Amino acid sequence: MTKLQQVAALGQQIWLDSLSRSLIQSGELASKLADGVMGITSNPAIFQQAFQNDALYTEELAALKQQDLDAKSRYETLAIADVKNACLVCLPVYQAGNGQAGMVSLEVSPALAHDAAGTVAEGRRLWHAINQPNAMIKVPATEAGITALTELVAAGINVNMTLIFSRQVLAAILNAHAAGLKQRLEQGLPVDKIAVVASFFLSRVDTALDISLPAHLQGKVALALARSAYADWQAFVATATWQDLAATGAHAVQLLWASTGTKNPAYPDTLYVDELIGAHTVNTVPDKTLNAFIDHGTASASLDGHQASSQQVLSEVAALGIDIEALALRLRDDGLKQFEDAFAKILDITA
């Protein structure tokens, strides 16, 4: 087995945190899937870079600029085509993975982050435009986004909840997902093909905190948060409430580790991959981190069994007067601002 296939055998999917027309048309995506990559995520920053750097967009974008379309419609025409084509390449992985792998994410407009009804409407529109069973609609984990999650799940739409830094927010997402499933079941509709992931961001936590921490805690908080979030997930799926839903064929939310490229050069470049491999999880990695892991990463079960040490780290951080939940909200809002800025640049390109 390849190293990525070894990770899959341990119950974790590795997804690629990049998408471009060249990735698809060159055959590189198909090659990565053969090596064991099992899905793709995208966001406004990823599409901004693709539009700027990939010459395969030039001709179609020029043609779109001759049509009576606004900048957002031109962006969506390009992005939806890429996501649809990536879904087609990933379809065998989806089929082999019981509808829980081989997913490709497309994010709703960052302008809708605090608009639940707008998020649902755009999520439905994008879902039907892509028209592939392994598409995922990406929604930021704001209060409005969590409300939208319930409605999107009830509509049978796959969702990637993003920009999660908080265990409290994760708990709300798990409950919102369950509520959507219940609504769908009450309508007599199937739930066995709905996939939802919760994207928990990591390196940004350590980047924000390390400057304020003693040396023995630096580079430890994101891992402690992730492992504690996984323990929370394990506790949730063991409840009678979830077990009743599982009996209907429903699939649990999968925790997805995001922001897994190491930003501090003092840390191992595969830190947020090596240390978080466990069942029913996903890790979405940028190209550089993927290549590093394939070259010298370690494929071993490393996520479970660290509850006591993780709690110790988080308790020490709290004793320093650091409010992790307050930090989580600030990091989420910072992430939203980054996506808003990237989306504005996309619209400049497509105007």
Protein backbone atom coordinates (compact mmCIF):
# COMPACT_ATOMS: atom_id res chain seq x y z
CA MET A 1 0.00 0.00 0.00
CA THR A 2 1.00 3.61 -0.48
CA LYS A 3 1.35 5.69 2.67
CA LEU A 4 -2.00 7.37 1.96
CA GLN A 5 -3.64 3.96 1.56
CA GLN A 6 -2.15 2.99 4.93
CA VAL A 7 -3.86 6.04 6.44
CA ALA A 8 -7.13 5.01 4.79
CA ALA A 9 -6.78 1.55 6.33
CA LEU A 10 -6.64 3.29 9.73
CA GLY A 11 -9.99 4.93 9.00
CA GLN A 12 -8.92 8.42 7.91
CA GLN A 13 -9.33 10.02 4.51
CA ILE A 14 -6.71 12.40 3.13
CA TRP A 15 -8.21 15.16 1.00
CA LEU A 16 -6.39 17.66 -1.17
CA ASP A 17 -6.76 21.32 -0.17
CA SER A 18 -6.47 22.70 -3.69
CA LEU A 19 -8.43 22.74 -6.93
CA SER A 20 -7.69 24.09 -10.38
CA ARG A 21 -8.50 23.34 -13.99
CA SER A 22 -4.95 22.12 -14.66
CA LEU A 23 -5.16 19.71 -11.71
CA ILE A 24 -8.15 18.06 -13.36
CA GLN A 25 -7.24 18.22 -17.04
CA SER A 26 -3.60 17.19 -16.64
CA GLY A 27 -4.59 13.90 -15.01
CA GLU A 28 -2.83 14.90 -11.79
CA LEU A 29 -6.04 14.58 -9.77
CA ALA A 30 -6.67 11.07 -11.06
CA SER A 31 -3.06 10.18 -10.23
CA LYS A 32 -3.41 11.49 -6.68
CA LEU A 33 -6.61 9.50 -6.21
CA ALA A 34 -4.76 6.38 -7.36
CA ASP A 35 -2.14 7.10 -4.68
CA GLY A 36 -4.82 7.30 -1.98
CA VAL A 37 -6.15 10.89 -1.91
CA MET A 38 -9.91 10.58 -1.27
CA GLY A 39 -11.45 14.04 -1.82
CA ILE A 40 -10.93 17.75 -2.43
CA THR A 41 -11.75 20.98 -0.66
CA SER A 42 -11.80 24.47 -2.10
CA ASN A 43 -12.41 27.99 -0.81
CA PRO A 44 -12.33 31.52 -2.26
CA ALA A 45 -8.58 31.82 -1.65
CA ILE A 46 -7.94 28.59 -3.58
CA PHE A 47 -10.01 29.75 -6.55
CA GLN A 48 -8.38 33.18 -6.46
CA GLN A 49 -4.96 31.56 -6.85
CA ALA A 50 -6.25 29.22 -9.55
CA PHE A 51 -7.75 32.03 -11.62
CA GLN A 52 -4.56 34.09 -11.30
CA ASN A 53 -2.07 31.34 -12.04
CA ASP A 54 -3.74 28.76 -14.29
CA ALA A 55 -3.72 29.69 -17.99
CA LEU A 56 -6.51 27.21 -18.72
CA TYR A 57 -9.04 29.78 -17.48
CA THR A 58 -7.92 32.56 -19.81
CA GLU A 59 -9.92 31.70 -22.93
CA GLU A 60 -13.19 30.87 -21.17
CA LEU A 61 -12.97 33.91 -18.91
CA ALA A 62 -12.44 36.15 -21.94
CA ALA A 63 -15.53 34.63 -23.55
CA LEU A 64 -17.58 35.08 -20.39
CA LYS A 65 -16.60 38.75 -20.27
CA GLN A 66 -18.30 39.16 -23.63
CA GLN A 67 -21.57 37.93 -22.15
CA ASP A 68 -24.08 39.98 -20.18
CA LEU A 69 -23.15 38.47 -16.82
CA ASP A 70 -22.08 39.99 -13.53
CA ALA A 71 -18.72 39.15 -11.98
CA LYS A 72 -20.16 36.63 -9.52
CA SER A 73 -21.98 34.74 -12.27
CA ARG A 74 -18.75 34.50 -14.27
CA TYR A 75 -16.92 33.20 -11.19
CA GLU A 76 -19.63 30.62 -10.54
CA THR A 77 -19.61 29.45 -14.16
CA LEU A 78 -15.89 28.67 -13.88
CA ALA A 79 -15.99 27.26 -10.34
CA ILE A 80 -19.06 25.09 -10.86
CA ALA A 81 -17.52 23.57 -13.99
CA ASP A 82 -14.34 22.73 -12.07
CA VAL A 83 -16.22 21.23 -9.13
CA LYS A 84 -18.48 19.20 -11.43
CA ASN A 85 -15.50 17.82 -13.37
CA ALA A 86 -13.60 17.05 -10.17
CA CYS A 87 -16.70 15.25 -8.86
CA LEU A 88 -16.73 13.09 -11.98
CA VAL A 89 -13.08 12.16 -11.49
CA CYS A 90 -13.73 11.40 -7.80
CA LEU A 91 -16.96 9.46 -8.44
CA PRO A 92 -15.39 5.97 -8.21
CA VAL A 93 -14.01 6.89 -4.77
CA TYR A 94 -17.47 8.10 -3.75
CA GLN A 95 -19.09 4.89 -4.95
CA ALA A 96 -16.50 2.71 -3.20
CA GLY A 97 -16.84 4.76 -0.01
CA ASN A 98 -20.57 4.27 0.55
CA GLY A 99 -21.27 7.90 -0.26
CA GLN A 100 -18.92 9.22 2.43
CA ALA A 101 -15.71 9.71 0.41
CA GLY A 102 -14.70 11.21 -2.92
CA MET A 103 -16.29 14.55 -2.03
CA VAL A 104 -15.56 17.94 -3.66
CA SER A 105 -16.45 21.16 -1.79
CA LEU A 106 -17.65 24.52 -3.12
CA GLU A 107 -18.18 27.38 -0.68
CA VAL A 108 -21.14 29.73 -0.55
CA SER A 109 -20.38 33.45 -0.87
CA PRO A 110 -18.64 34.85 2.24
CA ALA A 111 -21.17 37.70 2.11
CA LEU A 112 -23.79 35.21 3.38
CA ALA A 113 -21.90 34.23 6.53
CA HIS A 114 -24.52 35.77 8.81
CA ASP A 115 -27.56 35.15 6.58
CA ALA A 116 -29.12 31.75 7.22
CA ALA A 117 -31.87 32.04 4.63
CA GLY A 118 -29.44 33.36 2.01
CA THR A 119 -27.02 30.50 2.76
CA VAL A 120 -29.78 27.92 2.32
CA ALA A 121 -30.94 29.48 -0.94
CA GLU A 122 -27.42 29.68 -2.38
CA GLY A 123 -26.56 26.22 -1.10
CA ARG A 124 -29.58 24.75 -2.84
CA ARG A 125 -28.81 26.65 -6.05
CA LEU A 126 -25.16 25.57 -6.16
CA TRP A 127 -26.05 21.98 -5.28
CA HIS A 128 -28.48 21.72 -8.17
CA ALA A 129 -26.10 23.52 -10.55
CA ILE A 130 -23.29 21.05 -9.82
CA ASN A 131 -25.75 18.15 -9.91
CA GLN A 132 -23.32 15.50 -8.68
CA PRO A 133 -23.93 13.25 -5.65
CA ASN A 134 -20.41 13.79 -4.29
CA ALA A 135 -20.52 17.58 -4.24
CA MET A 136 -20.41 19.33 -0.88
CA ILE A 137 -21.66 22.82 -0.10
CA LYS A 138 -19.21 24.58 2.19
CA VAL A 139 -20.73 26.80 4.89
CA PRO A 140 -18.92 28.83 7.58
CA ALA A 141 -19.67 27.81 11.16
CA THR A 142 -21.41 31.01 12.23
CA GLU A 143 -24.70 30.94 14.10
CA ALA A 144 -26.47 31.53 10.79
CA GLY A 145 -24.41 28.82 9.10
CA ILE A 146 -25.33 26.29 11.77
CA THR A 147 -29.01 27.16 11.34
CA ALA A 148 -28.60 26.68 7.59
CA LEU A 149 -26.97 23.28 8.17
CA THR A 150 -30.19 21.85 9.56
CA GLU A 151 -32.18 23.02 6.52
CA LEU A 152 -29.58 21.86 4.00
CA VAL A 153 -29.36 18.40 5.57
CA ALA A 154 -33.17 18.18 5.62
CA ALA A 155 -33.01 18.93 1.88
CA GLY A 156 -30.59 16.03 1.34
CA ILE A 157 -27.56 18.21 0.60
CA ASN A 158 -23.99 17.30 1.58
CA VAL A 159 -22.36 20.01 3.72
CA ASN A 160 -18.83 20.95 4.75
CA MET A 161 -19.03 23.18 7.84
CA THR A 162 -15.87 25.26 7.86
CA LEU A 163 -13.86 27.63 10.06
CA ILE A 164 -14.42 25.69 13.27
CA PHE A 165 -12.03 26.44 16.13
CA SER A 166 -14.36 25.70 19.05
CA ARG A 167 -15.61 22.57 20.76
CA GLN A 168 -18.82 24.41 21.68
CA VAL A 169 -19.41 25.24 18.03
CA LEU A 170 -18.73 21.61 17.09
CA ALA A 171 -21.36 20.49 19.62
CA ALA A 172 -23.89 22.86 18.03
CA ILE A 173 -23.05 21.46 14.59
CA LEU A 174 -23.55 17.86 15.72
CA ASN A 175 -26.96 18.76 17.11
CA ALA A 176 -27.95 20.79 14.04
CA HIS A 177 -27.00 17.88 11.78
CA ALA A 178 -29.10 15.50 13.86
CA ALA A 179 -32.05 17.93 13.72
CA GLY A 180 -31.82 18.06 9.93
CA LEU A 181 -31.81 14.29 9.70
CA LYS A 182 -34.88 14.08 11.94
CA GLN A 183 -36.72 16.59 9.76
CA ARG A 184 -35.90 14.59 6.67
CA LEU A 185 -37.01 11.32 8.24
CA GLU A 186 -40.28 12.95 9.30
CA GLN A 187 -40.89 13.65 5.61
CA GLY A 188 -40.34 9.98 4.83
CA LEU A 189 -37.14 10.74 2.92
CA PRO A 190 -33.89 8.71 2.96
CA VAL A 191 -30.85 9.87 4.92
CA ASP A 192 -28.28 7.24 4.01
CA LYS A 193 -26.55 9.25 1.24
CA ILE A 194 -26.05 12.52 3.15
CA ALA A 195 -22.44 13.36 4.03
CA VAL A 196 -21.42 16.14 6.42
CA VAL A 197 -17.93 17.08 7.59
CA ALA A 198 -16.94 19.55 10.30
CA SER A 199 -13.69 21.33 9.38
CA PHE A 200 -11.73 22.01 12.58
CA PHE A 201 -8.82 24.39 11.95
CA LEU A 202 -5.48 23.74 13.64
CA SER A 203 -2.27 25.62 12.78
CA ARG A 204 -3.93 29.03 13.16
CA VAL A 205 -4.60 28.19 16.82
CA ASP A 206 -0.93 27.56 17.59
CA THR A 207 0.15 30.57 15.53
CA ALA A 208 -2.16 32.81 17.56
CA LEU A 209 -1.25 31.38 20.97
CA ASP A 210 2.41 30.37 20.94
CA ILE A 211 3.73 33.88 21.56
CA SER A 212 1.78 33.97 24.84
CA LEU A 213 2.67 30.48 26.06
CA PRO A 214 5.58 28.97 27.98
CA ALA A 215 7.82 26.77 25.87
CA HIS A 216 6.36 23.46 27.07
CA LEU A 217 2.90 24.40 25.76
CA GLN A 218 3.93 25.81 22.40
CA GLY A 219 2.72 23.77 19.46
CA LYS A 220 0.53 21.68 21.76
CA VAL A 221 -2.78 23.50 21.98
CA ALA A 222 -4.17 22.76 18.51
CA LEU A 223 -3.47 19.05 18.93
CA ALA A 224 -5.07 19.08 22.39
CA LEU A 225 -8.15 20.84 21.00
CA ALA A 226 -8.42 18.41 18.09
CA ARG A 227 -8.08 15.35 20.31
CA SER A 228 -10.60 16.76 22.78
CA ALA A 229 -13.00 17.53 19.93
CA TYR A 230 -12.64 13.93 18.76
CA ALA A 231 -13.47 12.70 22.27
CA ASP A 232 -16.55 14.96 22.21
CA TRP A 233 -17.52 13.42 18.86
CA GLN A 234 -17.05 9.90 20.23
CA ALA A 235 -19.29 10.72 23.20
CA PHE A 236 -21.97 12.16 20.91
CA VAL A 237 -22.14 9.18 18.55
CA ALA A 238 -22.43 6.86 21.55
CA THR A 239 -25.65 8.54 22.72
CA ALA A 240 -29.03 6.89 22.32
CA THR A 241 -30.16 9.89 20.25
CA TRP A 242 -27.47 9.30 17.66
CA GLN A 243 -27.75 5.53 17.75
CA ASP A 244 -31.44 5.83 16.88
CA LEU A 245 -30.51 7.96 13.86
CA ALA A 246 -27.72 5.59 12.86
CA ALA A 247 -30.27 2.76 12.82
CA THR A 248 -32.06 4.59 9.99
CA GLY A 249 -28.91 4.50 7.85
CA ALA A 250 -27.70 7.99 8.77
CA HIS A 251 -23.96 8.68 8.74
CA ALA A 252 -22.32 10.65 11.52
CA VAL A 253 -20.57 13.95 10.90
CA GLN A 254 -16.92 13.31 10.12
CA LEU A 255 -14.37 15.53 11.83
CA LEU A 256 -12.07 17.10 9.27
CA TRP A 257 -8.69 18.56 10.23
CA ALA A 258 -8.03 21.76 8.28
CA SER A 259 -5.26 24.36 8.28
CA THR A 260 -2.82 21.47 8.57
CA GLY A 261 0.16 23.08 6.89
CA THR A 262 2.71 23.81 9.63
CA LYS A 263 3.37 27.55 9.84
CA ASN A 264 6.16 27.48 12.43
CA PRO A 265 9.39 26.17 10.82
CA ALA A 266 10.50 24.90 14.22
CA TYR A 267 7.76 22.26 14.12
CA PRO A 268 7.78 19.10 11.99
CA ASP A 269 6.20 19.86 8.62
CA THR A 270 3.87 16.87 9.02
CA LEU A 271 2.88 17.65 12.64
CA TYR A 272 -0.85 18.09 12.04
CA VAL A 273 -1.05 14.93 9.95
CA ASP A 274 1.15 12.50 11.88
CA GLU A 275 -0.47 13.26 15.23
CA LEU A 276 -4.16 13.16 14.25
CA ILE A 277 -4.78 9.91 12.37
CA GLY A 278 -7.91 8.15 13.54
CA ALA A 279 -11.10 6.46 12.45
CA HIS A 280 -14.00 8.39 10.92
CA THR A 281 -11.89 11.51 10.29
CA VAL A 282 -10.58 13.45 7.32
CA ASN A 283 -7.40 15.51 6.94
CA THR A 284 -7.35 18.08 4.15
CA VAL A 285 -3.79 19.01 3.25
CA PRO A 286 -2.13 21.53 0.94
CA ASP A 287 0.20 20.18 -1.74
CA LYS A 288 3.38 20.93 0.19
CA THR A 289 2.16 19.10 3.30
CA LEU A 290 0.86 16.18 1.25
CA ASN A 291 4.22 15.72 -0.43
CA ALA A 292 6.05 16.01 2.90
CA PHE A 293 3.81 13.37 4.48
CA ILE A 294 4.26 10.99 1.57
CA ASP A 295 8.04 11.48 1.81
CA HIS A 296 8.61 11.21 5.56
CA GLY A 297 5.33 11.19 7.47
CA THR A 298 4.20 8.39 9.78
CA ALA A 299 1.01 6.45 9.11
CA SER A 300 -0.07 5.17 12.54
CA ALA A 301 -3.16 5.48 14.74
CA SER A 302 -2.28 8.59 16.74
CA LEU A 303 -5.53 10.42 17.47
CA ASP A 304 -7.22 8.40 20.17
CA GLY A 305 -6.10 7.79 23.74
CA HIS A 306 -4.76 11.24 24.62
CA GLN A 307 -7.71 12.62 26.59
CA ALA A 308 -5.86 13.11 29.88
CA SER A 309 -2.81 14.83 28.39
CA SER A 310 -4.99 16.97 26.14
CA GLN A 311 -7.10 18.10 29.08
CA GLN A 312 -3.93 18.93 31.00
CA VAL A 313 -2.73 21.20 28.18
CA LEU A 314 -6.08 22.97 27.93
CA SER A 315 -6.30 23.37 31.72
CA GLU A 316 -2.85 24.97 31.82
CA VAL A 317 -3.83 27.36 29.04
CA ALA A 318 -7.01 28.32 30.91
CA ALA A 319 -4.99 28.86 34.10
CA LEU A 320 -2.96 31.47 32.20
CA GLY A 321 -6.18 33.44 31.70
CA ILE A 322 -6.54 32.54 28.03
CA ASP A 323 -10.15 32.04 26.91
CA ILE A 324 -10.01 29.43 24.15
CA GLU A 325 -13.65 29.97 23.14
CA ALA A 326 -13.14 33.71 22.76
CA LEU A 327 -10.03 33.04 20.69
CA ALA A 328 -12.03 30.60 18.55
CA LEU A 329 -14.58 33.26 17.64
CA ARG A 330 -11.84 35.76 16.78
CA LEU A 331 -10.04 33.24 14.57
CA ARG A 332 -13.30 32.34 12.84
CA ASP A 333 -13.98 36.01 12.12
CA ASP A 334 -10.40 36.48 10.90
CA GLY A 335 -10.92 33.52 8.56
CA LEU A 336 -14.15 35.01 7.26
CA LYS A 337 -12.35 38.28 6.54
CA GLN A 338 -9.63 36.42 4.61
CA PHE A 339 -12.28 34.68 2.49
CA GLU A 340 -14.14 37.96 1.93
CA ASP A 341 -10.90 39.56 0.73
CA ALA A 342 -10.14 36.61 -1.57
CA PHE A 343 -13.69 36.67 -2.96
CA ALA A 344 -13.39 40.38 -3.68
CA LYS A 345 -10.19 39.68 -5.62
CA ILE A 346 -11.97 36.93 -7.56
CA LEU A 347 -14.69 39.38 -8.54
CA ASP A 348 -12.02 41.85 -9.65
CA ILE A 349 -10.59 39.15 -11.92
CA THR A 350 -13.99 38.20 -13.37
CA ALA A 351 -15.39 41.75 -13.66
